[in-house]
Every structure is written in structure tokens, then in C-alpha cells.
Amino acid sequence: MARLLATTSEIRERGARNEVAITAILSRVTLLEENQRPPEPAPDREAAGRKAGCRVMLANQCRASNLIRPTAAIVGRVMHDERAVDQRTAKSPQQLFFGILGTVRRVFGLATPQPDQEAALRQDYVHLSEDIAATIEKRSSISEKKHAEFLNDELKPRLKLLANSGLAREITIYTGRRVNYDRFLTPLGREVFDGWPEWDDRTGGISLADELMPPDPNTAGRPVIEATSPPESQPASPPPQPSPPPPPSPT
């Protein structure tokens, strides 16, 4: 019995030593893995600068144009959110405008559908004009056969601005007499519109240009010079006088 207990104790001690050894080995393996792991990639400052520059440029273009509600920047944002990134995933004008309307309803808590025409006219669609919203909601005075043409005409100048900026592409497809378009973002456009403009930005991205307005060149960079009092003038010293001659000696 004593021999059996001694053997059991030795087995336990051996097992404990093995566990310690295994733990040490695992710790070394973990350390080796960490040392072999490649360093985290440094942030691509050039890409970040390019993206920021494109956003500012487009915000200025949107401010200079009359393409408001939606701005071209909002069109780019909905193309990003709807994953219109190549010809296979290209979206129609109706799909893009409906995507804007759906997001506006969600972000700003708009009622859907509108109970009547008067209530709809009082609705603020933020990023959509009343005409576009009415067409999407099937309450427009435009003939339903003309809906696709109207929405295409509204989208075209905004896509042109994006295309001229290198942020989107428009490919024309001819099928007999029928003409279709595939519109999608370029790789640069996917970077620029990733999270921008914010949907709750009622300016549609133009606020970025307003925030970065350059300072007044008439005052910018001008050094501040403190006024100083001119030094007090000191009275001029009188010229040295000649010493008087010594008195004559007596004879």
C-alpha cells in the first residue's frame, strides 16, 4: 500500500513538472509568433490626403453649382451605400433616388407613406426636391411613362460632375434603338464617399467647403507690430572749454 501511494505521488509530481514545462514551451512559442508577426501597416497619409482633397474640391463644386437637393455629393454617397461599384452592381436613377428617400425617412423620421397630397407638400425631404420625391412616391403630375425619363434627366448632370472629378463612371449601352447607362463609382469614388457626406448634413456636403473657407488675405499672416515710444532726445553736451592761462609770475 505504501509503495502504491509513493508511486501515485511520483506520478502527480511528474505530471506537475510536465505541466510547468508545457506552459513554458507555449509561452516561448507565443513570443516567437509575436516576434515573427509583421508590423501593423502605417497609415497611408497620401491616400488620406487625396481623399480629403477630393471631398473639399467636390464640396466647392457643389456650392458653385445649382445642383442642390440632391447635391452630387449625396448622389455619390447613395451610390456607395447601395454598392454601385461596377457594371454588375450599377443602379438605375430610380433605385438611387429611392435609396436617398429611404435614408432621409429613416434619419429624419419622416412619415411613410404620406396620407394625402397636402401633407406630402408640407414634408421636408431634405436631400430631394419635391418633384423628385413626388415622382418616387407615385403622386407626380408627370405621366408615369415619363417617370424614368424625368429621373434620368435629374441624375445625369450630377453624374457628369462626379465623372468629371474622376469619382464615377457612366457607360452607355446601345441595344437596338434603346439606350441604357451603367453608372457606378470608381475606386477613388468608393474612398471619397465612404461615410461622407453625413446624411444628417442638410447641406449635402457643402458645409465642408464653408468650414474650410480661406482667411481674409488682407489680414492673414500680417505680423503684429507693437507701437513703441521714440527714445527721448538727450541735450547735447557743451564743447570743452580751454583752460585759463596761468597768472603771470612776479618780476
Protein backbone atom coordinates (compact mmCIF):
# COMPACT_ATOMS: atom_id res chain seq x y z
CA MET A 1 0.00 0.00 0.00
CA ALA A 2 2.85 2.37 0.91
CA ARG A 3 4.56 1.55 -2.38
CA LEU A 4 1.34 2.28 -4.28
CA LEU A 5 0.94 5.64 -2.55
CA ALA A 6 4.55 6.54 -3.29
CA THR A 7 4.07 5.66 -6.97
CA THR A 8 0.92 7.77 -7.16
CA SER A 9 2.74 10.70 -5.57
CA GLU A 10 5.59 10.39 -8.08
CA ILE A 11 3.11 10.35 -10.95
CA ARG A 12 1.48 13.51 -9.65
CA GLU A 13 4.82 15.26 -9.26
CA ARG A 14 5.88 14.19 -12.74
CA GLY A 15 2.60 15.46 -14.16
CA ALA A 16 3.01 18.80 -12.39
CA ARG A 17 6.54 19.16 -13.78
CA ASN A 18 5.26 18.32 -17.27
CA GLU A 19 2.55 20.98 -16.99
CA VAL A 20 5.14 23.57 -15.98
CA ALA A 21 7.36 22.57 -18.89
CA ILE A 22 4.45 22.68 -21.36
CA THR A 23 3.41 26.12 -20.10
CA ALA A 24 6.96 27.40 -20.57
CA ILE A 25 7.10 25.97 -24.09
CA LEU A 26 3.75 27.55 -25.02
CA SER A 27 4.94 30.89 -23.67
CA ARG A 28 8.07 30.70 -25.82
CA VAL A 29 6.05 29.72 -28.89
CA THR A 30 3.71 32.68 -28.32
CA LEU A 31 6.69 35.01 -28.00
CA LEU A 32 8.19 33.64 -31.22
CA GLU A 33 4.88 34.13 -33.05
CA GLU A 34 4.66 37.72 -31.86
CA ASN A 35 8.22 38.40 -32.97
CA GLN A 36 7.54 36.91 -36.39
CA ARG A 37 4.28 38.84 -36.86
CA PRO A 38 4.66 41.66 -39.43
CA PRO A 39 4.27 45.16 -38.04
CA GLU A 40 0.98 46.96 -38.41
CA PRO A 41 0.88 48.86 -41.69
CA ALA A 42 1.50 52.56 -41.30
CA PRO A 43 -1.43 54.80 -42.20
CA ASP A 44 -1.40 55.78 -45.84
CA ARG A 45 -1.13 59.54 -45.45
CA GLU A 46 -1.03 60.05 -49.19
CA ALA A 47 -4.36 58.25 -49.65
CA ALA A 48 -5.93 60.15 -46.75
CA GLY A 49 -4.77 63.45 -48.20
CA ARG A 50 -6.07 62.52 -51.63
CA LYS A 51 -9.48 61.61 -50.21
CA ALA A 52 -9.71 64.81 -48.16
CA GLY A 53 -8.68 66.91 -51.15
CA CYS A 54 -11.32 65.31 -53.39
CA ARG A 55 -14.01 65.95 -50.79
CA VAL A 56 -13.11 69.62 -50.50
CA MET A 57 -12.96 70.00 -54.28
CA LEU A 58 -16.38 68.40 -54.74
CA ALA A 59 -17.90 70.41 -51.89
CA ASN A 60 -16.76 73.61 -53.63
CA GLN A 61 -18.16 72.42 -56.95
CA CYS A 62 -21.49 71.59 -55.32
CA ARG A 63 -21.59 75.05 -53.74
CA ALA A 64 -20.84 76.70 -57.09
CA SER A 65 -23.49 74.72 -58.99
CA ASN A 66 -27.26 74.81 -58.72
CA LEU A 67 -27.44 71.03 -58.33
CA ILE A 68 -28.99 71.07 -54.88
CA ARG A 69 -31.45 68.52 -53.44
CA PRO A 70 -29.65 66.29 -54.07
CA THR A 71 -26.12 67.52 -54.41
CA ALA A 72 -23.70 65.49 -56.47
CA ALA A 73 -22.02 64.51 -53.19
CA ILE A 74 -25.25 62.98 -51.87
CA VAL A 75 -25.60 61.04 -55.13
CA GLY A 76 -22.09 59.70 -54.61
CA ARG A 77 -22.93 58.76 -51.02
CA VAL A 78 -26.04 56.80 -52.01
CA MET A 79 -24.09 55.05 -54.76
CA HIS A 80 -21.60 53.96 -52.11
CA ASP A 81 -24.32 52.83 -49.70
CA GLU A 82 -26.17 50.96 -52.46
CA ARG A 83 -22.88 49.34 -53.53
CA ALA A 84 -22.96 50.68 -57.10
CA VAL A 85 -19.26 49.97 -57.62
CA ASP A 86 -19.08 48.29 -61.05
CA GLN A 87 -21.21 47.49 -64.10
CA ARG A 88 -22.65 44.41 -62.45
CA THR A 89 -23.91 46.36 -59.43
CA ALA A 90 -24.85 49.60 -61.24
CA LYS A 91 -28.16 51.10 -60.10
CA SER A 92 -30.86 52.88 -62.07
CA PRO A 93 -31.77 56.52 -61.33
CA GLN A 94 -34.99 55.35 -59.68
CA GLN A 95 -33.09 52.98 -57.40
CA LEU A 96 -30.63 55.71 -56.38
CA PHE A 97 -33.28 58.34 -55.68
CA PHE A 98 -35.38 55.80 -53.81
CA GLY A 99 -32.28 54.99 -51.75
CA ILE A 100 -31.93 58.68 -50.85
CA LEU A 101 -35.62 58.90 -49.95
CA GLY A 102 -35.47 55.80 -47.77
CA THR A 103 -32.43 57.10 -45.90
CA VAL A 104 -33.98 60.54 -45.42
CA ARG A 105 -37.11 58.93 -43.99
CA ARG A 106 -35.05 56.90 -41.56
CA VAL A 107 -32.59 59.61 -40.49
CA PHE A 108 -35.11 62.44 -40.17
CA GLY A 109 -38.08 60.35 -39.06
CA LEU A 110 -40.37 61.22 -41.96
CA ALA A 111 -43.77 59.61 -42.25
CA THR A 112 -44.22 57.00 -44.97
CA PRO A 113 -46.34 56.80 -46.99
CA GLN A 114 -47.80 60.27 -46.97
CA PRO A 115 -51.53 60.16 -46.12
CA ASP A 116 -52.54 62.83 -48.61
CA GLN A 117 -51.18 65.30 -51.15
CA GLU A 118 -51.32 68.32 -48.83
CA ALA A 119 -49.36 66.53 -46.11
CA ALA A 120 -46.80 65.47 -48.68
CA LEU A 121 -46.33 69.06 -49.85
CA ARG A 122 -45.59 70.14 -46.29
CA GLN A 123 -42.93 67.42 -45.93
CA ASP A 124 -39.28 68.44 -45.95
CA TYR A 125 -37.40 65.82 -47.95
CA VAL A 126 -34.04 67.45 -47.11
CA HIS A 127 -31.90 65.93 -49.88
CA LEU A 128 -34.64 65.61 -52.51
CA SER A 129 -36.68 68.20 -54.36
CA GLU A 130 -40.46 67.95 -54.13
CA ASP A 131 -40.65 66.96 -57.82
CA ILE A 132 -38.25 64.03 -57.35
CA ALA A 133 -39.97 62.91 -54.15
CA ALA A 134 -43.39 63.11 -55.81
CA THR A 135 -42.17 61.02 -58.73
CA ILE A 136 -40.72 58.36 -56.42
CA GLU A 137 -43.92 58.29 -54.33
CA LYS A 138 -46.11 57.93 -57.45
CA ARG A 139 -48.02 61.15 -56.84
CA SER A 140 -46.42 63.31 -59.51
CA SER A 141 -48.41 65.14 -62.16
CA ILE A 142 -45.93 63.77 -64.69
CA SER A 143 -47.21 60.82 -66.65
CA GLU A 144 -45.94 57.56 -65.18
CA LYS A 145 -44.48 56.68 -68.56
CA LYS A 146 -42.26 59.74 -68.23
CA HIS A 147 -41.05 58.97 -64.70
CA ALA A 148 -37.91 57.11 -65.79
CA GLU A 149 -37.00 59.86 -68.26
CA PHE A 150 -37.52 62.60 -65.66
CA LEU A 151 -35.38 60.85 -63.03
CA ASN A 152 -32.69 60.14 -65.62
CA ASP A 153 -32.59 63.83 -66.57
CA GLU A 154 -32.24 64.75 -62.88
CA LEU A 155 -29.42 62.29 -62.30
CA LYS A 156 -27.42 62.96 -65.46
CA PRO A 157 -25.86 66.37 -64.60
CA ARG A 158 -24.95 65.16 -61.11
CA LEU A 159 -23.28 62.04 -62.51
CA LYS A 160 -21.47 64.20 -65.05
CA LEU A 161 -19.97 66.28 -62.25
CA LEU A 162 -18.84 63.11 -60.45
CA ALA A 163 -17.43 61.65 -63.66
CA ASN A 164 -15.51 64.85 -64.46
CA SER A 165 -13.99 64.63 -60.98
CA GLY A 166 -12.88 61.03 -61.53
CA LEU A 167 -15.26 59.73 -58.84
CA ALA A 168 -17.77 57.87 -61.03
CA ARG A 169 -18.15 56.36 -64.48
CA GLU A 170 -21.04 56.33 -66.91
CA ILE A 171 -21.03 53.70 -69.65
CA THR A 172 -23.54 53.98 -72.48
CA ILE A 173 -25.05 50.72 -73.71
CA TYR A 174 -26.90 50.62 -77.04
CA THR A 175 -29.46 47.87 -77.54
CA GLY A 176 -31.08 48.48 -80.90
CA ARG A 177 -32.81 51.84 -80.58
CA ARG A 178 -32.76 51.67 -76.82
CA VAL A 179 -30.03 53.40 -74.84
CA ASN A 180 -29.15 52.37 -71.28
CA TYR A 181 -26.50 53.57 -68.87
CA ASP A 182 -24.37 51.84 -66.29
CA ARG A 183 -23.33 54.28 -63.58
CA PHE A 184 -21.00 53.31 -60.78
CA LEU A 185 -18.24 54.64 -58.56
CA THR A 186 -14.56 54.42 -59.36
CA PRO A 187 -12.14 53.08 -56.72
CA LEU A 188 -11.36 56.69 -55.76
CA GLY A 189 -15.08 57.43 -55.52
CA ARG A 190 -15.54 54.50 -53.16
CA GLU A 191 -12.91 56.02 -50.85
CA VAL A 192 -14.30 59.56 -51.03
CA PHE A 193 -17.93 58.61 -50.31
CA ASP A 194 -17.17 56.14 -47.56
CA GLY A 195 -19.07 57.88 -44.75
CA TRP A 196 -19.28 61.26 -46.49
CA PRO A 197 -21.34 63.39 -46.65
CA GLU A 198 -23.10 62.69 -43.37
CA TRP A 199 -26.76 62.01 -44.05
CA ASP A 200 -27.83 64.48 -41.38
CA ASP A 201 -25.83 67.24 -43.08
CA ARG A 202 -28.64 69.24 -44.65
CA THR A 203 -26.19 70.98 -46.97
CA GLY A 204 -25.37 67.71 -48.71
CA GLY A 205 -21.63 68.10 -48.18
CA ILE A 206 -21.36 71.82 -48.98
CA SER A 207 -20.72 72.56 -45.32
CA LEU A 208 -17.21 71.14 -45.77
CA ALA A 209 -16.37 73.93 -48.20
CA ASP A 210 -17.85 76.51 -45.83
CA GLU A 211 -15.78 75.20 -42.92
CA LEU A 212 -12.57 75.50 -44.93
CA MET A 213 -13.09 78.99 -46.28
CA PRO A 214 -9.67 80.64 -46.53
CA PRO A 215 -8.93 83.54 -44.17
CA ASP A 216 -9.14 87.12 -45.37
CA PRO A 217 -5.93 87.72 -47.36
CA ASN A 218 -5.98 91.37 -46.27
CA THR A 219 -5.32 90.37 -42.67
CA ALA A 220 -3.97 86.83 -42.80
CA GLY A 221 -0.32 86.40 -41.97
CA ARG A 222 0.25 90.05 -41.20
CA PRO A 223 2.67 90.41 -38.27
CA VAL A 224 1.54 92.33 -35.24
CA ILE A 225 3.86 95.26 -34.59
CA GLU A 226 3.66 96.88 -31.19
CA ALA A 227 3.93 100.67 -31.08
CA THR A 228 6.97 101.88 -29.21
CA SER A 229 7.75 105.38 -27.92
CA PRO A 230 10.64 107.12 -29.61
CA PRO A 231 13.66 107.49 -27.35
CA GLU A 232 13.83 110.78 -25.53
CA SER A 233 16.38 113.14 -27.03
CA GLN A 234 19.30 113.92 -24.78
CA PRO A 235 20.64 117.52 -24.59
CA ALA A 236 23.88 117.95 -26.39
CA SER A 237 26.96 118.27 -24.18
CA PRO A 238 28.71 121.67 -24.37
CA PRO A 239 32.02 121.66 -26.15
CA PRO A 240 35.08 121.54 -23.84
CA GLN A 241 36.32 124.99 -22.79
CA PRO A 242 40.05 125.82 -22.93
CA SER A 243 41.81 126.02 -19.58
CA PRO A 244 42.52 129.58 -18.37
CA PRO A 245 46.15 130.71 -18.77
CA PRO A 246 48.29 130.63 -15.63
CA PRO A 247 48.78 134.02 -13.83
CA PRO A 248 51.98 135.90 -14.74
CA SER A 249 54.85 135.29 -12.40
CA PRO A 250 56.18 138.38 -10.41
CA THR A 251 59.28 140.04 -11.61
